[in-house]
Protein backbone atom coordinates (compact mmCIF):
# COMPACT_ATOMS: atom_id res chain seq x y z
CA MET A 1 4.10 -0.59 -28.07
CA GLU A 2 2.25 0.83 -30.94
CA LYS A 3 0.94 -2.64 -32.01
CA ARG A 4 -0.21 -3.34 -28.37
CA LEU A 5 -2.03 0.16 -28.33
CA GLN A 6 -3.85 -0.69 -31.64
CA ILE A 7 -4.98 -3.91 -30.26
CA THR A 8 -6.30 -2.17 -27.08
CA VAL A 9 -8.30 0.68 -28.41
CA LYS A 10 -9.03 -0.43 -31.92
CA ASN A 11 -10.94 2.23 -33.81
CA ARG A 12 -11.25 4.66 -30.78
CA LEU A 13 -7.44 5.40 -30.63
CA VAL A 14 -7.25 9.11 -31.36
CA THR A 15 -10.44 10.36 -29.63
CA SER A 16 -10.45 7.96 -26.63
CA LEU A 17 -6.71 8.38 -25.76
CA LEU A 18 -6.57 12.04 -26.14
CA ALA A 19 -9.43 12.25 -23.72
CA LEU A 20 -7.60 10.07 -21.37
CA ALA A 21 -4.53 12.09 -21.78
CA CYS A 22 -6.46 15.22 -20.90
CA ALA A 23 -8.01 13.69 -17.82
CA LEU A 24 -4.87 12.26 -16.44
CA PHE A 25 -2.55 15.12 -17.21
CA MET A 26 -4.57 18.23 -17.68
CA PHE A 27 -7.55 17.71 -15.27
CA ALA A 28 -5.63 19.83 -12.59
CA PRO A 29 -2.36 21.51 -12.39
CA GLY A 30 0.53 18.82 -12.12
CA ALA A 31 -2.19 15.97 -12.35
CA GLU A 32 0.43 13.66 -13.61
CA ALA A 33 0.53 12.69 -9.97
CA HIS A 34 -2.78 11.20 -9.93
CA TYR A 35 -1.93 7.71 -9.23
CA PHE A 36 -3.22 4.32 -10.52
CA SER A 37 -4.13 2.86 -7.15
CA VAL A 38 -5.87 -0.06 -5.32
CA LEU A 39 -8.32 1.35 -2.98
CA PRO A 40 -9.20 -1.17 -0.37
CA LYS A 41 -12.40 -0.96 1.65
CA VAL A 42 -11.10 -3.43 4.34
CA SER A 43 -7.71 -4.72 5.43
CA ARG A 44 -8.85 -8.16 6.64
CA THR A 45 -11.14 -10.81 5.10
CA GLU A 46 -12.01 -14.19 6.39
CA VAL A 47 -11.15 -17.12 4.20
CA GLY A 48 -14.11 -18.11 2.10
CA SER A 49 -15.46 -14.62 1.79
CA ARG A 50 -14.95 -11.98 -0.87
CA HIS A 51 -12.39 -9.15 -0.85
CA SER A 52 -13.03 -6.05 -2.78
CA VAL A 53 -10.13 -4.94 -5.16
CA ILE A 54 -11.02 -1.44 -6.40
CA VAL A 55 -8.73 0.34 -8.89
CA SER A 56 -8.83 4.04 -10.10
CA PHE A 57 -6.84 6.90 -11.02
CA THR A 58 -6.75 9.15 -7.91
CA HIS A 59 -4.92 11.46 -5.74
CA ILE A 60 -7.00 10.66 -2.71
CA SER A 61 -6.02 7.33 -1.02
CA THR A 62 -9.39 6.32 0.01
CA GLN A 63 -11.65 7.62 -2.80
CA ALA A 64 -11.94 6.92 -6.53
CA GLN A 65 -11.90 9.91 -8.87
CA TYR A 66 -12.14 8.39 -12.39
CA ASP A 67 -11.37 5.43 -14.43
CA TYR A 68 -11.04 4.33 -18.01
CA SER A 69 -14.81 4.49 -18.81
CA PHE A 70 -14.85 8.18 -18.05
CA MET A 71 -12.68 8.71 -21.15
CA GLY A 72 -14.75 6.21 -23.18
CA LEU A 73 -12.35 3.35 -22.75
CA THR A 74 -13.11 -0.24 -22.10
CA PRO A 75 -9.78 -1.67 -20.68
CA ASP A 76 -8.68 -5.15 -21.84
CA ARG A 77 -5.85 -7.27 -20.46
CA GLU A 78 -3.31 -5.21 -21.92
CA MET A 79 -4.47 -2.10 -20.21
CA LEU A 80 -5.62 -3.36 -16.90
CA SER A 81 -4.55 -6.57 -15.09
CA GLY A 82 -4.60 -7.85 -11.52
CA LYS A 83 -3.86 -10.87 -9.40
CA LEU A 84 -3.92 -12.07 -5.83
CA ILE A 85 -0.72 -13.63 -4.33
CA TYR A 86 -0.82 -15.95 -1.46
CA SER A 87 1.83 -16.70 1.21
CA ASP A 88 2.52 -20.13 -0.15
CA GLY A 89 3.47 -18.57 -3.63
CA THR A 90 0.37 -19.39 -5.64
CA GLU A 91 -1.59 -16.66 -7.55
CA LYS A 92 -5.06 -16.12 -8.69
CA ASP A 93 -5.66 -13.92 -11.74
CA ILE A 94 -8.53 -11.48 -11.25
CA THR A 95 -8.07 -9.51 -14.52
CA ASP A 96 -11.41 -10.84 -16.08
CA MET A 97 -13.34 -10.01 -12.92
CA PHE A 98 -13.02 -6.30 -13.15
CA ALA A 99 -16.26 -4.44 -13.86
CA ALA A 100 -17.30 -0.85 -13.76
CA TYR A 101 -18.13 0.43 -10.27
CA ASP A 102 -19.34 3.72 -9.01
CA ASP A 103 -17.60 4.67 -5.77
CA PRO A 104 -20.33 6.48 -3.65
CA GLU A 105 -17.57 8.64 -2.05
CA GLY A 106 -15.60 9.39 -5.14
CA THR A 107 -14.87 12.95 -6.26
CA GLU A 108 -14.41 15.04 -9.36
CA VAL A 109 -16.70 13.11 -11.72
CA LYS A 110 -20.01 11.55 -11.64
CA GLY A 111 -20.87 8.00 -12.67
CA THR A 112 -18.53 5.28 -13.06
CA ASP A 113 -15.24 6.26 -11.56
CA SER A 114 -13.48 2.99 -10.83
CA ARG A 115 -13.21 -0.66 -11.56
CA LEU A 116 -14.00 -3.47 -9.05
CA ALA A 117 -13.11 -7.14 -8.73
CA ALA A 118 -14.42 -9.26 -5.83
CA PRO A 119 -12.59 -12.50 -5.60
CA VAL A 120 -13.11 -15.25 -2.98
CA ILE A 121 -10.16 -15.55 -0.53
CA THR A 122 -9.26 -19.23 -0.31
CA LYS A 123 -6.22 -19.34 1.81
CA GLU A 124 -4.86 -18.27 5.30
CA GLY A 125 -1.99 -15.71 5.60
CA THR A 126 -0.90 -12.60 4.07
CA VAL A 127 -2.48 -11.91 0.57
CA THR A 128 -1.17 -9.25 -1.88
CA ALA A 129 -3.60 -7.69 -4.29
CA ALA A 130 -1.24 -6.53 -7.25
CA CYS A 131 -2.72 -4.57 -10.07
CA ARG A 132 -1.27 -2.86 -13.08
CA THR A 133 -2.27 -0.45 -15.89
CA ARG A 134 -0.31 0.26 -19.06
CA MET A 135 -1.20 3.08 -21.64
CA ASP A 136 0.84 4.17 -24.74
CA ILE A 137 -0.39 7.37 -26.40
CA PRO A 138 1.76 8.14 -29.61
CA ASP A 139 3.23 11.62 -29.52
CA MET A 140 1.69 12.32 -26.17
CA MET A 141 2.79 10.11 -23.39
CA SER A 142 3.57 6.60 -22.02
CA TYR A 143 2.24 5.75 -18.55
CA THR A 144 2.75 2.49 -16.40
CA GLY A 145 1.16 2.28 -13.01
CA PHE A 146 1.58 -0.61 -10.43
CA SER A 147 -0.31 -0.78 -7.16
CA LYS A 148 -0.38 -3.17 -4.18
CA HIS A 149 -2.55 -3.76 -1.34
CA ILE A 150 -1.32 -5.87 1.45
CA PHE A 151 -4.12 -7.43 3.53
CA ASN A 152 -4.61 -10.22 6.11
CA THR A 153 -1.12 -9.60 7.28
CA ALA A 154 0.63 -12.24 9.05
CA PHE A 155 4.38 -12.90 9.96
CA ASP A 156 5.06 -14.80 6.76
CA ARG A 157 7.27 -12.32 4.90
CA LEU A 158 4.91 -12.07 1.83
CA SER A 159 4.73 -8.48 2.25
CA MET A 160 8.41 -8.07 1.66
CA LYS A 161 8.50 -9.80 -1.76
CA PRO A 162 8.56 -7.84 -5.05
CA ALA A 163 5.25 -8.64 -6.99
CA GLY A 164 5.57 -6.48 -10.25
CA GLY A 165 8.44 -8.05 -12.31
CA ASP A 166 11.11 -6.19 -13.93
CA ASP A 167 9.24 -3.73 -16.06
CA VAL A 168 7.31 -1.65 -13.50
CA THR A 169 7.89 0.75 -10.51
CA GLU A 170 7.19 -0.86 -7.22
CA ILE A 171 7.54 -0.01 -3.49
CA VAL A 172 8.92 -2.98 -1.39
CA PRO A 173 8.90 -3.08 2.44
CA LEU A 174 12.17 -4.13 4.02
CA SER A 175 10.38 -5.53 7.18
CA ASP A 176 7.41 -7.69 7.53
CA LEU A 177 4.34 -5.38 7.43
CA ALA A 178 2.56 -7.62 10.09
CA GLY A 179 4.78 -5.86 12.49
CA ALA A 180 3.85 -2.37 11.31
CA ALA A 181 2.76 -0.22 14.32
CA ALA A 182 1.83 3.42 15.03
CA GLY A 183 4.93 5.49 15.80
CA VAL A 184 7.39 2.87 14.62
CA PRO A 185 9.50 3.76 11.36
CA VAL A 186 9.02 1.40 8.45
CA ARG A 187 11.74 1.29 5.72
CA PHE A 188 10.97 0.71 2.08
CA ARG A 189 12.93 0.49 -1.13
CA LEU A 190 11.76 1.99 -4.44
CA LEU A 191 12.43 -0.02 -7.48
CA HIS A 192 12.17 0.77 -11.12
CA LYS A 193 12.51 -2.24 -13.39
CA GLY A 194 13.99 -4.19 -10.55
CA GLU A 195 16.64 -1.45 -9.90
CA ALA A 196 16.96 0.82 -6.92
CA TRP A 197 15.84 4.45 -7.88
CA ALA A 198 17.30 7.25 -5.88
CA GLY A 199 16.09 10.89 -5.43
CA ALA A 200 12.31 10.07 -5.78
CA GLU A 201 9.64 12.14 -3.88
CA ILE A 202 7.36 9.90 -1.81
CA GLU A 203 3.88 10.87 -0.91
CA TYR A 204 1.79 9.36 1.88
CA ALA A 205 -1.66 9.40 3.56
CA TYR A 206 -3.72 7.36 5.76
CA ASP A 207 -7.45 6.59 6.00
CA ARG A 208 -8.15 9.40 8.21
CA SER A 209 -6.06 12.07 6.45
CA PRO A 210 -8.23 15.14 5.55
CA ILE A 211 -8.93 15.86 1.94
CA PHE A 212 -7.80 19.33 0.86
CA ILE A 213 -7.41 21.38 -2.37
CA GLY A 214 -3.71 21.23 -3.33
CA GLU A 215 -1.68 21.49 -6.45
CA GLU A 216 -3.30 18.23 -7.77
CA GLY A 217 -6.79 19.44 -7.12
CA PRO A 218 -8.64 17.44 -4.31
CA GLU A 219 -6.07 15.26 -2.66
CA ASN A 220 -5.04 13.89 0.67
CA LEU A 221 -1.53 12.81 0.03
CA LYS A 222 1.36 14.77 1.49
CA LYS A 223 5.25 14.56 0.60
CA LEU A 224 7.83 13.17 2.91
CA GLU A 225 10.60 15.56 3.73
CA ARG A 226 13.33 13.29 2.36
CA PRO A 227 13.43 11.62 -1.10
CA THR A 228 14.68 8.06 -1.54
CA ASP A 229 18.44 7.59 -0.85
CA GLU A 230 21.18 6.24 -3.30
CA ASP A 231 19.89 2.77 -2.61
CA GLY A 232 16.17 3.72 -3.19
CA ILE A 233 15.39 3.60 0.53
CA PHE A 234 13.04 5.70 2.35
CA SER A 235 11.46 5.73 5.88
CA TYR A 236 7.97 6.44 6.81
CA THR A 237 6.59 6.53 10.34
CA PRO A 238 2.83 6.07 10.56
CA ASP A 239 1.55 8.20 13.29
CA ALA A 240 -1.77 6.41 13.80
CA ALA A 241 -3.38 2.96 13.48
CA GLY A 242 -5.34 2.46 10.24
CA ARG A 243 -4.87 1.91 6.52
CA HIS A 244 -1.76 3.70 5.24
CA THR A 245 -0.52 4.52 1.69
CA VAL A 246 2.92 5.37 0.30
CA ALA A 247 3.34 6.42 -3.31
CA ALA A 248 5.87 7.60 -5.96
CA MET A 249 5.58 9.05 -9.57
CA LEU A 250 8.58 8.87 -11.72
CA ASP A 251 9.22 11.29 -14.69
CA LEU A 252 11.31 9.15 -16.85
CA GLY A 253 11.64 11.86 -19.48
CA ASP A 254 10.41 12.08 -23.02
CA LYS A 255 6.89 12.10 -21.78
CA ASN A 256 7.24 8.69 -20.01
CA TYR A 257 5.76 8.27 -16.48
CA SER A 258 5.67 5.41 -14.14
CA SER A 259 4.06 5.21 -10.81
CA ALA A 260 3.76 3.02 -7.73
CA THR A 261 1.49 2.93 -4.70
CA LEU A 262 1.34 0.52 -1.72
CA SER A 263 -1.33 0.31 1.04
CA PHE A 264 -1.14 -1.63 4.21
CA GLU A 265 -2.76 -1.86 7.71
CA VAL A 266 -0.95 -0.39 10.83
CA ARG A 267 -1.82 -1.53 14.36
CA GLU A 268 -1.63 0.38 17.64
CA LYS A 269 1.70 0.57 19.29
CA SER A 270 2.04 -1.88 22.30
CA GLY A 271 2.38 0.34 25.52
CA GLY A 272 5.22 -0.26 28.00
CA SER A 273 6.99 -3.63 28.49
CA GLY A 274 3.39 -5.20 28.45
CA GLY A 275 2.16 -8.74 28.61
CA CYS A 276 4.34 -11.52 29.94
CA SER A 277 7.36 -9.24 30.35
CA ALA A 278 5.36 -6.97 32.62
CA ALA A 279 3.92 -9.85 34.69
CA HIS A 280 7.26 -11.48 34.82
CA GLY A 281 8.77 -8.28 36.20
CA GLY A 282 6.13 -7.93 38.78
CA ILE A 283 6.58 -11.47 40.00
CA LEU A 284 10.41 -10.73 40.38
CA SER A 285 9.62 -7.56 42.30
CA LEU A 286 7.23 -9.42 44.67
CA PHE A 287 9.97 -12.06 45.17
CA ALA A 288 12.61 -9.45 46.04
CA ALA A 289 10.34 -7.72 48.39
CA GLY A 290 9.46 -10.99 50.13
CA ALA A 291 13.17 -11.83 50.34
CA LEU A 292 13.90 -8.56 52.08
CA PHE A 293 11.02 -9.12 54.47
CA LEU A 294 12.27 -12.54 55.53
CA LEU A 295 16.08 -11.73 55.74
CA PRO A 296 15.95 -10.88 59.47
CA VAL A 297 14.01 -14.17 60.23
CA ILE A 298 16.51 -16.24 58.30
CA LYS A 299 19.43 -14.55 60.17
CA SER A 300 17.73 -15.29 63.52
CA ILE A 301 17.41 -19.10 62.48
CA LEU A 302 20.81 -19.52 61.45
CA LYS A 303 22.15 -17.70 64.56
CA LYS A 304 20.27 -20.13 66.85
CA ARG A 305 21.63 -23.06 64.89
CA SER A 306 25.09 -21.87 65.35
CA GLU A 307 24.75 -21.59 69.09
CA ARG A 308 23.75 -25.10 69.52
């Protein structure tokens, strides 16, 4: 770990990483829950066009707050990496695409507050943008953040597949997110290094959640009432259509922290029996009414035939 850290920050080890620690863990009370997150601007992109993959340390699911450059760091591949995963299993590394980006709606700091990559989407179906950060600060803390944004969702089960490997914390849906609808509970499993993690607090928000001043400073995430169960499972019910986020921060002890976020799109819930089912039911009702109307006529014809 120390060797990797020396490669990452070179001669700025002490001043830069101390500043980073202060920003992440002392910027506001309890600020260790500021997540490394992918902040999508849209959830659907046509094949052949670009999709913005924005990453930042934030406690607001829709706005960047600050990134490495605020602390005087220029992240390399060891500190920041990202990839796109397509439904056919192929991957596109986007690590070298990340550049400084100033989110016009960002909060807390002025100037560059996030990193942006804009890869071209080349394939149909669900796409996962999976990004990671790793920072080791001797005698202060070790932090790993892993974040996913699921977009262009289709019923191909890609959203249900773990993407982070066996050394991160990750939130994995237990059903295809293409079916996520307002008012319908969705179950997830929280994993740490590939193993279920029980008792973790889960936070959530969606793209219209109001921003307020909380224990973490400006934020819009709120906690679920129930933590993850013994199998690492939790249930979240989106109450409206739009882009939703669920997140977890694990305190691993000895100043080690690991976070996970997941954002995805939720559609409006279908009303009633709807569509073909409703039409089919209507046809059956008309048929039944017609049969009752014709019943006396049929009886009369049968009676006349029996008298011949």
